[in-house]
């Protein structure tokens, strides 16, 4: 495959395993698995997976994502909850604050720009 194109797959990529920090955790014990496929010039792209739980989020970056599996609920501070299911795609802009709750194990493809 040419160096100017990369397939979005976890195959051959060592995943990073993490959890939300204690001060952000609201409920559960979510475990994040991230396969970061692209990391260049402030652009990140890959696959993210999380087990159920709820935590606070704050975005200082721009993110596009598409859920490939599962169910999550994003709730903006002071706003209406948004239920995300397989096939949904969204853009989160810098300045978003609220909560992310994984109801059913969730997998998403993502592109983040700092």
C-alpha atoms as a PDB file:
ATOM      1  CA  UNK A   1       0.000   0.000   0.000  1.00  0.00           C
ATOM      2  CA  UNK A   2       1.424   3.452  -0.871  1.00  0.00           C
ATOM      3  CA  UNK A   3       2.657   5.638   1.999  1.00  0.00           C
ATOM      4  CA  UNK A   4       0.078   8.280   1.048  1.00  0.00           C
ATOM      5  CA  UNK A   5      -2.878   6.051   1.981  1.00  0.00           C
ATOM      6  CA  UNK A   6      -3.580   4.081   5.151  1.00  0.00           C
ATOM      7  CA  UNK A   7      -6.416   1.711   5.951  1.00  0.00           C
ATOM      8  CA  UNK A   8      -8.301   2.416   9.179  1.00  0.00           C
ATOM      9  CA  UNK A   9      -7.858  -0.930  10.929  1.00  0.00           C
ATOM     10  CA  UNK A  10      -6.555  -2.081  14.290  1.00  0.00           C
ATOM     11  CA  UNK A  11      -4.532  -4.819  12.584  1.00  0.00           C
ATOM     12  CA  UNK A  12      -0.834  -4.371  13.305  1.00  0.00           C
ATOM     13  CA  UNK A  13      -1.350  -1.326  15.563  1.00  0.00           C
ATOM     14  CA  UNK A  14      -0.433  -1.558  19.248  1.00  0.00           C
ATOM     15  CA  UNK A  15      -3.377  -0.190  21.233  1.00  0.00           C
ATOM     16  CA  UNK A  16      -3.129   2.302  24.082  1.00  0.00           C
ATOM     17  CA  UNK A  17      -5.206   1.345  27.132  1.00  0.00           C
ATOM     18  CA  UNK A  18      -6.441   4.111  29.450  1.00  0.00           C
ATOM     19  CA  UNK A  19      -9.268   5.224  31.728  1.00  0.00           C
ATOM     20  CA  UNK A  20     -10.756   8.614  32.535  1.00  0.00           C
ATOM     21  CA  UNK A  21      -8.992  10.373  35.400  1.00  0.00           C
ATOM     22  CA  UNK A  22     -10.600  10.004  38.843  1.00  0.00           C
ATOM     23  CA  UNK A  23     -11.770  13.633  38.902  1.00  0.00           C
ATOM     24  CA  UNK A  24     -13.659  13.143  35.605  1.00  0.00           C
ATOM     25  CA  UNK A  25     -15.233   9.759  36.398  1.00  0.00           C
ATOM     26  CA  UNK A  26     -18.956   9.858  37.237  1.00  0.00           C
ATOM     27  CA  UNK A  27     -19.911   6.170  37.177  1.00  0.00           C
ATOM     28  CA  UNK A  28     -18.680   2.732  36.176  1.00  0.00           C
ATOM     29  CA  UNK A  29     -15.122   1.731  35.323  1.00  0.00           C
ATOM     30  CA  UNK A  30     -14.768   2.540  31.620  1.00  0.00           C
ATOM     31  CA  UNK A  31     -11.670   1.239  29.864  1.00  0.00           C
ATOM     32  CA  UNK A  32     -10.554   2.994  26.673  1.00  0.00           C
ATOM     33  CA  UNK A  33      -8.663   1.144  23.953  1.00  0.00           C
ATOM     34  CA  UNK A  34      -7.233   3.427  21.263  1.00  0.00           C
ATOM     35  CA  UNK A  35      -5.574   2.388  18.031  1.00  0.00           C
ATOM     36  CA  UNK A  36      -4.001   5.656  16.828  1.00  0.00           C
ATOM     37  CA  UNK A  37      -3.254   5.070  13.151  1.00  0.00           C
ATOM     38  CA  UNK A  38      -2.264   8.619  12.164  1.00  0.00           C
ATOM     39  CA  UNK A  39      -0.295  11.119  14.233  1.00  0.00           C
ATOM     40  CA  UNK A  40       1.087  13.973  12.127  1.00  0.00           C
ATOM     41  CA  UNK A  41       1.129  17.763  12.396  1.00  0.00           C
ATOM     42  CA  UNK A  42      -1.648  18.001  15.001  1.00  0.00           C
ATOM     43  CA  UNK A  43      -3.891  15.493  13.233  1.00  0.00           C
ATOM     44  CA  UNK A  44      -4.832  12.176  14.838  1.00  0.00           C
ATOM     45  CA  UNK A  45      -6.965   9.416  13.334  1.00  0.00           C
ATOM     46  CA  UNK A  46      -7.801   5.913  14.369  1.00  0.00           C
ATOM     47  CA  UNK A  47     -10.199   3.687  16.265  1.00  0.00           C
ATOM     48  CA  UNK A  48     -11.429   4.164  19.849  1.00  0.00           C
ATOM     49  CA  UNK A  49     -13.333   1.661  21.949  1.00  0.00           C
ATOM     50  CA  UNK A  50     -14.811   2.023  25.427  1.00  0.00           C
ATOM     51  CA  UNK A  51     -16.528  -0.226  27.922  1.00  0.00           C
ATOM     52  CA  UNK A  52     -19.577   1.156  29.802  1.00  0.00           C
ATOM     53  CA  UNK A  53     -19.280   4.093  32.184  1.00  0.00           C
ATOM     54  CA  UNK A  54     -19.811   7.856  32.395  1.00  0.00           C
ATOM     55  CA  UNK A  55     -17.293  10.709  32.662  1.00  0.00           C
ATOM     56  CA  UNK A  56     -16.924  14.455  32.140  1.00  0.00           C
ATOM     57  CA  UNK A  57     -15.431  15.680  28.865  1.00  0.00           C
ATOM     58  CA  UNK A  58     -14.006  18.973  27.652  1.00  0.00           C
ATOM     59  CA  UNK A  59     -12.892  19.396  24.052  1.00  0.00           C
ATOM     60  CA  UNK A  60     -10.108  21.851  23.230  1.00  0.00           C
ATOM     61  CA  UNK A  61      -9.766  20.233  19.815  1.00  0.00           C
ATOM     62  CA  UNK A  62     -12.001  19.503  16.822  1.00  0.00           C
ATOM     63  CA  UNK A  63     -13.177  15.906  16.355  1.00  0.00           C
ATOM     64  CA  UNK A  64     -15.130  14.077  13.679  1.00  0.00           C
ATOM     65  CA  UNK A  65     -16.271  10.565  14.561  1.00  0.00           C
ATOM     66  CA  UNK A  66     -18.484   7.777  13.279  1.00  0.00           C
ATOM     67  CA  UNK A  67     -19.790   5.046  15.577  1.00  0.00           C
ATOM     68  CA  UNK A  68     -19.175   1.596  14.165  1.00  0.00           C
ATOM     69  CA  UNK A  69     -20.670  -0.252  17.145  1.00  0.00           C
ATOM     70  CA  UNK A  70     -22.501   0.321  20.413  1.00  0.00           C
ATOM     71  CA  UNK A  71     -24.552   3.007  22.100  1.00  0.00           C
ATOM     72  CA  UNK A  72     -23.426   6.155  23.927  1.00  0.00           C
ATOM     73  CA  UNK A  73     -25.041   9.327  25.215  1.00  0.00           C
ATOM     74  CA  UNK A  74     -23.318  12.708  24.974  1.00  0.00           C
ATOM     75  CA  UNK A  75     -24.852  15.475  27.081  1.00  0.00           C
ATOM     76  CA  UNK A  76     -23.696  19.074  26.663  1.00  0.00           C
ATOM     77  CA  UNK A  77     -23.593  21.085  29.904  1.00  0.00           C
ATOM     78  CA  UNK A  78     -27.050  22.624  30.232  1.00  0.00           C
ATOM     79  CA  UNK A  79     -28.233  20.874  27.058  1.00  0.00           C
ATOM     80  CA  UNK A  80     -30.271  17.956  25.818  1.00  0.00           C
ATOM     81  CA  UNK A  81     -28.718  14.448  25.786  1.00  0.00           C
ATOM     82  CA  UNK A  82     -27.774  13.113  22.343  1.00  0.00           C
ATOM     83  CA  UNK A  83     -28.036   9.341  21.913  1.00  0.00           C
ATOM     84  CA  UNK A  84     -25.420   7.913  19.558  1.00  0.00           C
ATOM     85  CA  UNK A  85     -25.878   4.539  17.884  1.00  0.00           C
ATOM     86  CA  UNK A  86     -24.083   2.502  15.236  1.00  0.00           C
ATOM     87  CA  UNK A  87     -23.802   4.481  11.997  1.00  0.00           C
ATOM     88  CA  UNK A  88     -24.115   7.939  13.589  1.00  0.00           C
ATOM     89  CA  UNK A  89     -21.485  10.549  12.679  1.00  0.00           C
ATOM     90  CA  UNK A  90     -20.851  13.826  14.493  1.00  0.00           C
ATOM     91  CA  UNK A  91     -18.464  16.742  14.754  1.00  0.00           C
ATOM     92  CA  UNK A  92     -17.528  18.045  18.196  1.00  0.00           C
ATOM     93  CA  UNK A  93     -16.052  21.525  18.111  1.00  0.00           C
ATOM     94  CA  UNK A  94     -13.557  23.063  20.522  1.00  0.00           C
ATOM     95  CA  UNK A  95     -15.243  24.424  23.649  1.00  0.00           C
ATOM     96  CA  UNK A  96     -17.689  21.529  24.100  1.00  0.00           C
ATOM     97  CA  UNK A  97     -18.108  20.529  27.755  1.00  0.00           C
ATOM     98  CA  UNK A  98     -20.433  17.914  29.175  1.00  0.00           C
ATOM     99  CA  UNK A  99     -20.552  14.178  29.760  1.00  0.00           C
ATOM    100  CA  UNK A 100     -19.971  11.056  27.703  1.00  0.00           C
ATOM    101  CA  UNK A 101     -21.771   7.910  28.793  1.00  0.00           C
ATOM    102  CA  UNK A 102     -21.127   4.544  27.174  1.00  0.00           C
ATOM    103  CA  UNK A 103     -24.320   2.513  27.592  1.00  0.00           C
ATOM    104  CA  UNK A 104     -23.204  -0.413  25.402  1.00  0.00           C
ATOM    105  CA  UNK A 105     -19.562  -0.988  24.512  1.00  0.00           C
ATOM    106  CA  UNK A 106     -18.841   1.640  21.876  1.00  0.00           C
ATOM    107  CA  UNK A 107     -16.393   1.691  18.962  1.00  0.00           C
ATOM    108  CA  UNK A 108     -15.780   4.769  16.829  1.00  0.00           C
ATOM    109  CA  UNK A 109     -13.508   5.825  13.988  1.00  0.00           C
ATOM    110  CA  UNK A 110     -12.167   9.300  14.723  1.00  0.00           C
ATOM    111  CA  UNK A 111     -10.235  12.193  13.264  1.00  0.00           C
ATOM    112  CA  UNK A 112      -8.965  14.831  15.699  1.00  0.00           C
ATOM    113  CA  UNK A 113      -7.375  18.136  14.750  1.00  0.00           C
ATOM    114  CA  UNK A 114      -5.636  20.232  17.402  1.00  0.00           C
END
